[in-house]
């Protein structure tokens, strides 16, 4: 199990990005969370296999049709917490 954090920049708030990210995480089998940041970006913490995370990252690069993703920062996180589901945080 690997954990990665993604910060997504662009037109990603107010367009359903968190909901669609939650739905895609459910489809792929990713656990973790998604939340809006005060600077207009969206933060995602994702846990899964290497293949699941790669598939999820490719989806995040596009996002939902309502969003415009300009770029993504990503980093591997050393995390002792194991998430059992994927949540939208507020």
PDB file of N, CA and C in Angstrom:
ATOM      1  N   UNK A   1       0.848  -1.182   0.000  1.00  0.00           N
ATOM      2  CA  UNK A   1       0.000   0.000   0.000  1.00  0.00           C
ATOM      3  C   UNK A   1       0.890   1.241   0.000  1.00  0.00           C
ATOM      4  N   UNK A   2       0.600   2.140  -0.908  1.00  0.00           N
ATOM      5  CA  UNK A   2       1.366   3.368  -1.062  1.00  0.00           C
ATOM      6  C   UNK A   2       0.436   4.553  -0.829  1.00  0.00           C
ATOM      7  N   UNK A   3       0.976   5.638  -0.281  1.00  0.00           N
ATOM      8  CA  UNK A   3       0.192   6.846  -0.041  1.00  0.00           C
ATOM      9  C   UNK A   3       0.832   8.007  -0.786  1.00  0.00           C
ATOM     10  N   UNK A   4       0.016   8.737  -1.534  1.00  0.00           N
ATOM     11  CA  UNK A   4       0.485   9.924  -2.245  1.00  0.00           C
ATOM     12  C   UNK A   4      -0.449  11.088  -1.972  1.00  0.00           C
ATOM     13  N   UNK A   5       0.137  12.293  -1.950  1.00  0.00           N
ATOM     14  CA  UNK A   5      -0.677  13.496  -1.844  1.00  0.00           C
ATOM     15  C   UNK A   5      -0.574  14.255  -3.157  1.00  0.00           C
ATOM     16  N   UNK A   6      -1.711  14.741  -3.611  1.00  0.00           N
ATOM     17  CA  UNK A   6      -1.786  15.528  -4.839  1.00  0.00           C
ATOM     18  C   UNK A   6      -2.420  16.872  -4.508  1.00  0.00           C
ATOM     19  N   UNK A   7      -1.853  17.936  -5.037  1.00  0.00           N
ATOM     20  CA  UNK A   7      -2.472  19.259  -4.963  1.00  0.00           C
ATOM     21  C   UNK A   7      -2.778  19.652  -6.405  1.00  0.00           C
ATOM     22  N   UNK A   8      -4.066  19.869  -6.673  1.00  0.00           N
ATOM     23  CA  UNK A   8      -4.515  20.131  -8.035  1.00  0.00           C
ATOM     24  C   UNK A   8      -4.835  21.616  -8.160  1.00  0.00           C
ATOM     25  N   UNK A   9      -4.237  22.267  -9.166  1.00  0.00           N
ATOM     26  CA  UNK A   9      -4.421  23.692  -9.410  1.00  0.00           C
ATOM     27  C   UNK A   9      -5.157  23.903 -10.723  1.00  0.00           C
ATOM     28  N   UNK A  10      -5.906  24.971 -10.771  1.00  0.00           N
ATOM     29  CA  UNK A  10      -6.670  25.330 -11.960  1.00  0.00           C
ATOM     30  C   UNK A  10      -8.051  25.779 -11.534  1.00  0.00           C
ATOM     31  N   UNK A  11      -9.015  25.622 -12.425  1.00  0.00           N
ATOM     32  CA  UNK A  11     -10.413  25.918 -12.093  1.00  0.00           C
ATOM     33  C   UNK A  11     -11.011  24.615 -11.541  1.00  0.00           C
ATOM     34  N   UNK A  12     -10.794  24.382 -10.233  1.00  0.00           N
ATOM     35  CA  UNK A  12     -11.129  23.090  -9.635  1.00  0.00           C
ATOM     36  C   UNK A  12     -12.053  23.197  -8.423  1.00  0.00           C
ATOM     37  N   UNK A  13     -12.462  24.412  -8.072  1.00  0.00           N
ATOM     38  CA  UNK A  13     -13.433  24.565  -6.991  1.00  0.00           C
ATOM     39  C   UNK A  13     -14.728  25.115  -7.557  1.00  0.00           C
ATOM     40  N   UNK A  14     -15.842  24.667  -6.979  1.00  0.00           N
ATOM     41  CA  UNK A  14     -17.148  25.119  -7.445  1.00  0.00           C
ATOM     42  C   UNK A  14     -17.604  24.439  -8.722  1.00  0.00           C
ATOM     43  N   UNK A  15     -16.942  23.337  -9.086  1.00  0.00           N
ATOM     44  CA  UNK A  15     -17.264  22.633 -10.333  1.00  0.00           C
ATOM     45  C   UNK A  15     -17.528  21.146 -10.105  1.00  0.00           C
ATOM     46  N   UNK A  16     -17.687  20.745  -8.836  1.00  0.00           N
ATOM     47  CA  UNK A  16     -17.951  19.338  -8.526  1.00  0.00           C
ATOM     48  C   UNK A  16     -16.707  18.472  -8.481  1.00  0.00           C
ATOM     49  N   UNK A  17     -15.533  19.094  -8.422  1.00  0.00           N
ATOM     50  CA  UNK A  17     -14.290  18.325  -8.477  1.00  0.00           C
ATOM     51  C   UNK A  17     -14.198  17.305  -7.344  1.00  0.00           C
ATOM     52  N   UNK A  18     -14.558  17.701  -6.120  1.00  0.00           N
ATOM     53  CA  UNK A  18     -14.460  16.764  -4.990  1.00  0.00           C
ATOM     54  C   UNK A  18     -15.399  15.577  -5.175  1.00  0.00           C
ATOM     55  N   UNK A  19     -16.633  15.835  -5.593  1.00  0.00           N
ATOM     56  CA  UNK A  19     -17.582  14.733  -5.793  1.00  0.00           C
ATOM     57  C   UNK A  19     -17.085  13.768  -6.862  1.00  0.00           C
ATOM     58  N   UNK A  20     -16.663  14.305  -8.011  1.00  0.00           N
ATOM     59  CA  UNK A  20     -16.207  13.431  -9.094  1.00  0.00           C
ATOM     60  C   UNK A  20     -14.929  12.690  -8.705  1.00  0.00           C
ATOM     61  N   UNK A  21     -14.070  13.330  -7.905  1.00  0.00           N
ATOM     62  CA  UNK A  21     -12.864  12.660  -7.415  1.00  0.00           C
ATOM     63  C   UNK A  21     -13.244  11.519  -6.482  1.00  0.00           C
ATOM     64  N   UNK A  22     -14.212  11.759  -5.609  1.00  0.00           N
ATOM     65  CA  UNK A  22     -14.717  10.710  -4.707  1.00  0.00           C
ATOM     66  C   UNK A  22     -15.262   9.537  -5.525  1.00  0.00           C
ATOM     67  N   UNK A  23     -16.044   9.850  -6.535  1.00  0.00           N
ATOM     68  CA  UNK A  23     -16.644   8.796  -7.365  1.00  0.00           C
ATOM     69  C   UNK A  23     -15.577   7.986  -8.099  1.00  0.00           C
ATOM     70  N   UNK A  24     -14.564   8.666  -8.625  1.00  0.00           N
ATOM     71  CA  UNK A  24     -13.489   7.968  -9.338  1.00  0.00           C
ATOM     72  C   UNK A  24     -12.666   7.118  -8.372  1.00  0.00           C
ATOM     73  N   UNK A  25     -12.415   7.639  -7.173  1.00  0.00           N
ATOM     74  CA  UNK A  25     -11.679   6.865  -6.157  1.00  0.00           C
ATOM     75  C   UNK A  25     -12.449   5.593  -5.808  1.00  0.00           C
ATOM     76  N   UNK A  26     -13.769   5.693  -5.688  1.00  0.00           N
ATOM     77  CA  UNK A  26     -14.601   4.522  -5.409  1.00  0.00           C
ATOM     78  C   UNK A  26     -14.466   3.500  -6.539  1.00  0.00           C
ATOM     79  N   UNK A  27     -14.498   3.969  -7.765  1.00  0.00           N
ATOM     80  CA  UNK A  27     -14.426   3.086  -8.934  1.00  0.00           C
ATOM     81  C   UNK A  27     -13.092   2.333  -8.980  1.00  0.00           C
ATOM     82  N   UNK A  28     -11.999   3.039  -8.664  1.00  0.00           N
ATOM     83  CA  UNK A  28     -10.664   2.455  -8.760  1.00  0.00           C
ATOM     84  C   UNK A  28     -10.299   1.633  -7.526  1.00  0.00           C
ATOM     85  N   UNK A  29     -10.897   1.976  -6.378  1.00  0.00           N
ATOM     86  CA  UNK A  29     -10.552   1.291  -5.129  1.00  0.00           C
ATOM     87  C   UNK A  29      -9.540   2.053  -4.288  1.00  0.00           C
ATOM     88  N   UNK A  30      -9.439   3.357  -4.512  1.00  0.00           N
ATOM     89  CA  UNK A  30      -8.540   4.238  -3.755  1.00  0.00           C
ATOM     90  C   UNK A  30      -9.211   4.613  -2.432  1.00  0.00           C
ATOM     91  N   UNK A  31      -8.415   4.701  -1.358  1.00  0.00           N
ATOM     92  CA  UNK A  31      -8.906   5.217  -0.084  1.00  0.00           C
ATOM     93  C   UNK A  31      -8.166   6.518   0.229  1.00  0.00           C
ATOM     94  N   UNK A  32      -8.714   7.304   1.162  1.00  0.00           N
ATOM     95  CA  UNK A  32      -8.100   8.570   1.544  1.00  0.00           C
ATOM     96  C   UNK A  32      -9.125   9.675   1.635  1.00  0.00           C
ATOM     97  N   UNK A  33      -8.772  10.855   1.116  1.00  0.00           N
ATOM     98  CA  UNK A  33      -9.691  11.991   1.194  1.00  0.00           C
ATOM     99  C   UNK A  33      -9.395  13.041   0.126  1.00  0.00           C
ATOM    100  N   UNK A  34     -10.368  13.945  -0.056  1.00  0.00           N
ATOM    101  CA  UNK A  34     -10.238  15.097  -0.942  1.00  0.00           C
ATOM    102  C   UNK A  34     -10.828  16.297  -0.221  1.00  0.00           C
ATOM    103  N   UNK A  35     -10.179  17.471  -0.361  1.00  0.00           N
ATOM    104  CA  UNK A  35     -10.739  18.676   0.250  1.00  0.00           C
ATOM    105  C   UNK A  35     -10.269  19.921  -0.489  1.00  0.00           C
ATOM    106  N   UNK A  36     -11.104  20.957  -0.447  1.00  0.00           N
ATOM    107  CA  UNK A  36     -10.749  22.249  -1.008  1.00  0.00           C
ATOM    108  C   UNK A  36      -9.722  22.928  -0.112  1.00  0.00           C
ATOM    109  N   UNK A  37      -8.818  23.673  -0.725  1.00  0.00           N
ATOM    110  CA  UNK A  37      -7.829  24.455  -0.001  1.00  0.00           C
ATOM    111  C   UNK A  37      -8.219  25.937  -0.089  1.00  0.00           C
ATOM    112  N   UNK A  38      -7.776  26.719   0.872  1.00  0.00           N
ATOM    113  CA  UNK A  38      -8.132  28.140   0.900  1.00  0.00           C
ATOM    114  C   UNK A  38      -7.536  28.919  -0.273  1.00  0.00           C
ATOM    115  N   UNK A  39      -6.505  28.394  -0.921  1.00  0.00           N
ATOM    116  CA  UNK A  39      -5.881  29.089  -2.055  1.00  0.00           C
ATOM    117  C   UNK A  39      -6.530  28.757  -3.406  1.00  0.00           C
ATOM    118  N   UNK A  40      -7.644  28.009  -3.389  1.00  0.00           N
ATOM    119  CA  UNK A  40      -8.354  27.673  -4.626  1.00  0.00           C
ATOM    120  C   UNK A  40      -7.980  26.341  -5.232  1.00  0.00           C
ATOM    121  N   UNK A  41      -6.999  25.678  -4.644  1.00  0.00           N
ATOM    122  CA  UNK A  41      -6.612  24.351  -5.131  1.00  0.00           C
ATOM    123  C   UNK A  41      -7.439  23.278  -4.426  1.00  0.00           C
ATOM    124  N   UNK A  42      -7.251  22.044  -4.843  1.00  0.00           N
ATOM    125  CA  UNK A  42      -7.874  20.892  -4.191  1.00  0.00           C
ATOM    126  C   UNK A  42      -6.760  19.939  -3.770  1.00  0.00           C
ATOM    127  N   UNK A  43      -6.812  19.489  -2.515  1.00  0.00           N
ATOM    128  CA  UNK A  43      -5.834  18.542  -1.990  1.00  0.00           C
ATOM    129  C   UNK A  43      -6.454  17.150  -1.954  1.00  0.00           C
ATOM    130  N   UNK A  44      -5.658  16.157  -2.316  1.00  0.00           N
ATOM    131  CA  UNK A  44      -6.098  14.762  -2.300  1.00  0.00           C
ATOM    132  C   UNK A  44      -5.016  13.934  -1.613  1.00  0.00           C
ATOM    133  N   UNK A  45      -5.422  13.115  -0.668  1.00  0.00           N
ATOM    134  CA  UNK A  45      -4.533  12.100  -0.093  1.00  0.00           C
ATOM    135  C   UNK A  45      -5.088  10.757  -0.538  1.00  0.00           C
ATOM    136  N   UNK A  46      -4.271   9.983  -1.229  1.00  0.00           N
ATOM    137  CA  UNK A  46      -4.748   8.743  -1.840  1.00  0.00           C
ATOM    138  C   UNK A  46      -3.874   7.567  -1.439  1.00  0.00           C
ATOM    139  N   UNK A  47      -4.523   6.462  -1.099  1.00  0.00           N
ATOM    140  CA  UNK A  47      -3.829   5.209  -0.790  1.00  0.00           C
ATOM    141  C   UNK A  47      -4.309   4.126  -1.738  1.00  0.00           C
ATOM    142  N   UNK A  48      -3.361   3.340  -2.186  1.00  0.00           N
ATOM    143  CA  UNK A  48      -3.708   2.223  -3.059  1.00  0.00           C
ATOM    144  C   UNK A  48      -2.442   1.560  -3.560  1.00  0.00           C
ATOM    145  N   UNK A  49      -2.616   0.652  -4.489  1.00  0.00           N
ATOM    146  CA  UNK A  49      -1.464   0.008  -5.124  1.00  0.00           C
ATOM    147  C   UNK A  49      -0.836   0.985  -6.107  1.00  0.00           C
ATOM    148  N   UNK A  50       0.348   0.659  -6.556  1.00  0.00           N
ATOM    149  CA  UNK A  50       1.034   1.489  -7.557  1.00  0.00           C
ATOM    150  C   UNK A  50       0.153   1.681  -8.789  1.00  0.00           C
ATOM    151  N   UNK A  51      -0.460   0.601  -9.250  1.00  0.00           N
ATOM    152  CA  UNK A  51      -1.307   0.670 -10.446  1.00  0.00           C
ATOM    153  C   UNK A  51      -2.552   1.527 -10.192  1.00  0.00           C
ATOM    154  N   UNK A  52      -3.194   1.354  -9.040  1.00  0.00           N
ATOM    155  CA  UNK A  52      -4.376   2.163  -8.718  1.00  0.00           C
ATOM    156  C   UNK A  52      -4.016   3.644  -8.674  1.00  0.00           C
ATOM    157  N   UNK A  53      -2.900   3.976  -8.031  1.00  0.00           N
ATOM    158  CA  UNK A  53      -2.494   5.369  -7.913  1.00  0.00           C
ATOM    159  C   UNK A  53      -2.134   5.966  -9.266  1.00  0.00           C
ATOM    160  N   UNK A  54      -1.525   5.196 -10.132  1.00  0.00           N
ATOM    161  CA  UNK A  54      -1.200   5.687 -11.471  1.00  0.00           C
ATOM    162  C   UNK A  54      -2.474   5.970 -12.267  1.00  0.00           C
ATOM    163  N   UNK A  55      -3.441   5.063 -12.182  1.00  0.00           N
ATOM    164  CA  UNK A  55      -4.727   5.260 -12.859  1.00  0.00           C
ATOM    165  C   UNK A  55      -5.430   6.497 -12.312  1.00  0.00           C
ATOM    166  N   UNK A  56      -5.423   6.649 -10.999  1.00  0.00           N
ATOM    167  CA  UNK A  56      -6.058   7.793 -10.343  1.00  0.00           C
ATOM    168  C   UNK A  56      -5.366   9.093 -10.750  1.00  0.00           C
ATOM    169  N   UNK A  57      -4.041   9.110 -10.775  1.00  0.00           N
ATOM    170  CA  UNK A  57      -3.293  10.303 -11.167  1.00  0.00           C
ATOM    171  C   UNK A  57      -3.638  10.713 -12.601  1.00  0.00           C
ATOM    172  N   UNK A  58      -3.710   9.745 -13.498  1.00  0.00           N
ATOM    173  CA  UNK A  58      -4.073  10.056 -14.887  1.00  0.00           C
ATOM    174  C   UNK A  58      -5.462  10.688 -14.950  1.00  0.00           C
ATOM    175  N   UNK A  59      -6.390  10.188 -14.122  1.00  0.00           N
ATOM    176  CA  UNK A  59      -7.725  10.782 -14.102  1.00  0.00           C
ATOM    177  C   UNK A  59      -7.656  12.209 -13.538  1.00  0.00           C
ATOM    178  N   UNK A  60      -6.897  12.414 -12.446  1.00  0.00           N
ATOM    179  CA  UNK A  60      -6.775  13.743 -11.846  1.00  0.00           C
ATOM    180  C   UNK A  60      -6.199  14.758 -12.832  1.00  0.00           C
ATOM    181  N   UNK A  61      -5.322  14.337 -13.723  1.00  0.00           N
ATOM    182  CA  UNK A  61      -4.743  15.245 -14.711  1.00  0.00           C
ATOM    183  C   UNK A  61      -5.809  15.851 -15.614  1.00  0.00           C
ATOM    184  N   UNK A  62      -6.871  15.103 -15.853  1.00  0.00           N
ATOM    185  CA  UNK A  62      -7.981  15.588 -16.673  1.00  0.00           C
ATOM    186  C   UNK A  62      -9.086  16.174 -15.798  1.00  0.00           C
ATOM    187  N   UNK A  63      -9.410  15.472 -14.702  1.00  0.00           N
ATOM    188  CA  UNK A  63     -10.514  15.881 -13.835  1.00  0.00           C
ATOM    189  C   UNK A  63     -11.841  15.726 -14.546  1.00  0.00           C
ATOM    190  N   UNK A  64     -12.910  16.169 -13.901  1.00  0.00           N
ATOM    191  CA  UNK A  64     -14.227  16.105 -14.554  1.00  0.00           C
ATOM    192  C   UNK A  64     -14.304  17.143 -15.677  1.00  0.00           C
ATOM    193  N   UNK A  65     -15.272  16.977 -16.549  1.00  0.00           N
ATOM    194  CA  UNK A  65     -15.430  17.889 -17.688  1.00  0.00           C
ATOM    195  C   UNK A  65     -15.696  19.323 -17.254  1.00  0.00           C
ATOM    196  N   UNK A  66     -16.222  19.508 -16.051  1.00  0.00           N
ATOM    197  CA  UNK A  66     -16.548  20.843 -15.548  1.00  0.00           C
ATOM    198  C   UNK A  66     -15.323  21.599 -15.046  1.00  0.00           C
ATOM    199  N   UNK A  67     -14.186  20.927 -14.904  1.00  0.00           N
ATOM    200  CA  UNK A  67     -12.979  21.525 -14.324  1.00  0.00           C
ATOM    201  C   UNK A  67     -11.919  21.771 -15.390  1.00  0.00           C
ATOM    202  N   UNK A  68     -10.973  22.641 -15.045  1.00  0.00           N
ATOM    203  CA  UNK A  68      -9.774  22.845 -15.848  1.00  0.00           C
ATOM    204  C   UNK A  68      -8.578  22.638 -14.933  1.00  0.00           C
ATOM    205  N   UNK A  69      -7.812  21.594 -15.181  1.00  0.00           N
ATOM    206  CA  UNK A  69      -6.629  21.297 -14.373  1.00  0.00           C
ATOM    207  C   UNK A  69      -5.416  21.904 -15.072  1.00  0.00           C
ATOM    208  N   UNK A  70      -4.737  22.823 -14.369  1.00  0.00           N
ATOM    209  CA  UNK A  70      -3.530  23.448 -14.930  1.00  0.00           C
ATOM    210  C   UNK A  70      -2.292  22.630 -14.618  1.00  0.00           C
ATOM    211  N   UNK A  71      -2.144  22.206 -13.367  1.00  0.00           N
ATOM    212  CA  UNK A  71      -1.038  21.332 -13.003  1.00  0.00           C
ATOM    213  C   UNK A  71      -1.298  20.680 -11.654  1.00  0.00           C
ATOM    214  N   UNK A  72      -0.503  19.654 -11.374  1.00  0.00           N
ATOM    215  CA  UNK A  72      -0.643  18.874 -10.144  1.00  0.00           C
ATOM    216  C   UNK A  72       0.723  18.739  -9.491  1.00  0.00           C
ATOM    217  N   UNK A  73       0.776  19.034  -8.203  1.00  0.00           N
ATOM    218  CA  UNK A  73       1.955  18.705  -7.402  1.00  0.00           C
ATOM    219  C   UNK A  73       1.684  17.343  -6.776  1.00  0.00           C
ATOM    220  N   UNK A  74       2.681  16.485  -6.766  1.00  0.00           N
ATOM    221  CA  UNK A  74       2.478  15.182  -6.139  1.00  0.00           C
ATOM    222  C   UNK A  74       3.697  14.814  -5.317  1.00  0.00           C
ATOM    223  N   UNK A  75       3.440  14.160  -4.188  1.00  0.00           N
ATOM    224  CA  UNK A  75       4.538  13.669  -3.370  1.00  0.00           C
ATOM    225  C   UNK A  75       4.117  12.402  -2.652  1.00  0.00           C
ATOM    226  N   UNK A  76       5.100  11.526  -2.475  1.00  0.00           N
ATOM    227  CA  UNK A  76       4.866  10.285  -1.729  1.00  0.00           C
ATOM    228  C   UNK A  76       4.887  10.630  -0.252  1.00  0.00           C
ATOM    229  N   UNK A  77       3.931  10.112   0.493  1.00  0.00           N
ATOM    230  CA  UNK A  77       3.777  10.421   1.913  1.00  0.00           C
ATOM    231  C   UNK A  77       4.100   9.180   2.726  1.00  0.00           C
ATOM    232  N   UNK A  78       4.959   9.335   3.716  1.00  0.00           N
ATOM    233  CA  UNK A  78       5.181   8.261   4.694  1.00  0.00           C
ATOM    234  C   UNK A  78       4.046   8.370   5.703  1.00  0.00           C
ATOM    235  N   UNK A  79       3.141   7.418   5.669  1.00  0.00           N
ATOM    236  CA  UNK A  79       1.923   7.536   6.456  1.00  0.00           C
ATOM    237  C   UNK A  79       1.634   6.220   7.163  1.00  0.00           C
ATOM    238  N   UNK A  80       1.443   6.281   8.472  1.00  0.00           N
ATOM    239  CA  UNK A  80       1.097   5.086   9.243  1.00  0.00           C
ATOM    240  C   UNK A  80      -0.400   4.850   9.307  1.00  0.00           C
ATOM    241  N   UNK A  81      -1.185   5.836   8.884  1.00  0.00           N
ATOM    242  CA  UNK A  81      -2.638   5.704   8.904  1.00  0.00           C
ATOM    243  C   UNK A  81      -3.096   4.901   7.698  1.00  0.00           C
ATOM    244  N   UNK A  82      -3.932   3.922   7.932  1.00  0.00           N
ATOM    245  CA  UNK A  82      -4.554   3.155   6.855  1.00  0.00           C
ATOM    246  C   UNK A  82      -6.011   3.611   6.759  1.00  0.00           C
ATOM    247  N   UNK A  83      -6.399   4.104   5.604  1.00  0.00           N
ATOM    248  CA  UNK A  83      -7.769   4.572   5.399  1.00  0.00           C
ATOM    249  C   UNK A  83      -8.630   3.422   4.891  1.00  0.00           C
ATOM    250  N   UNK A  84      -9.856   3.367   5.372  1.00  0.00           N
ATOM    251  CA  UNK A  84     -10.751   2.276   4.990  1.00  0.00           C
ATOM    252  C   UNK A  84     -11.717   2.679   3.881  1.00  0.00           C
ATOM    253  N   UNK A  85     -11.807   3.998   3.604  1.00  0.00           N
ATOM    254  CA  UNK A  85     -12.699   4.478   2.568  1.00  0.00           C
ATOM    255  C   UNK A  85     -12.152   5.799   2.027  1.00  0.00           C
ATOM    256  N   UNK A  86     -12.870   6.400   1.112  1.00  0.00           N
ATOM    257  CA  UNK A  86     -12.482   7.689   0.549  1.00  0.00           C
ATOM    258  C   UNK A  86     -13.542   8.701   0.932  1.00  0.00           C
ATOM    259  N   UNK A  87     -13.107   9.830   1.507  1.00  0.00           N
ATOM    260  CA  UNK A  87     -14.046  10.798   2.039  1.00  0.00           C
ATOM    261  C   UNK A  87     -13.846  12.179   1.422  1.00  0.00           C
ATOM    262  N   UNK A  88     -14.929  12.927   1.364  1.00  0.00           N
ATOM    263  CA  UNK A  88     -14.875  14.354   1.016  1.00  0.00           C
ATOM    264  C   UNK A  88     -14.815  15.105   2.331  1.00  0.00           C
ATOM    265  N   UNK A  89     -13.730  15.816   2.553  1.00  0.00           N
ATOM    266  CA  UNK A  89     -13.568  16.605   3.773  1.00  0.00           C
ATOM    267  C   UNK A  89     -13.970  18.046   3.502  1.00  0.00           C
ATOM    268  N   UNK A  90     -14.459  18.688   4.555  1.00  0.00           N
ATOM    269  CA  UNK A  90     -14.896  20.102   4.432  1.00  0.00           C
ATOM    270  C   UNK A  90     -14.062  20.981   5.328  1.00  0.00           C
TER     271      UNK A  90
END
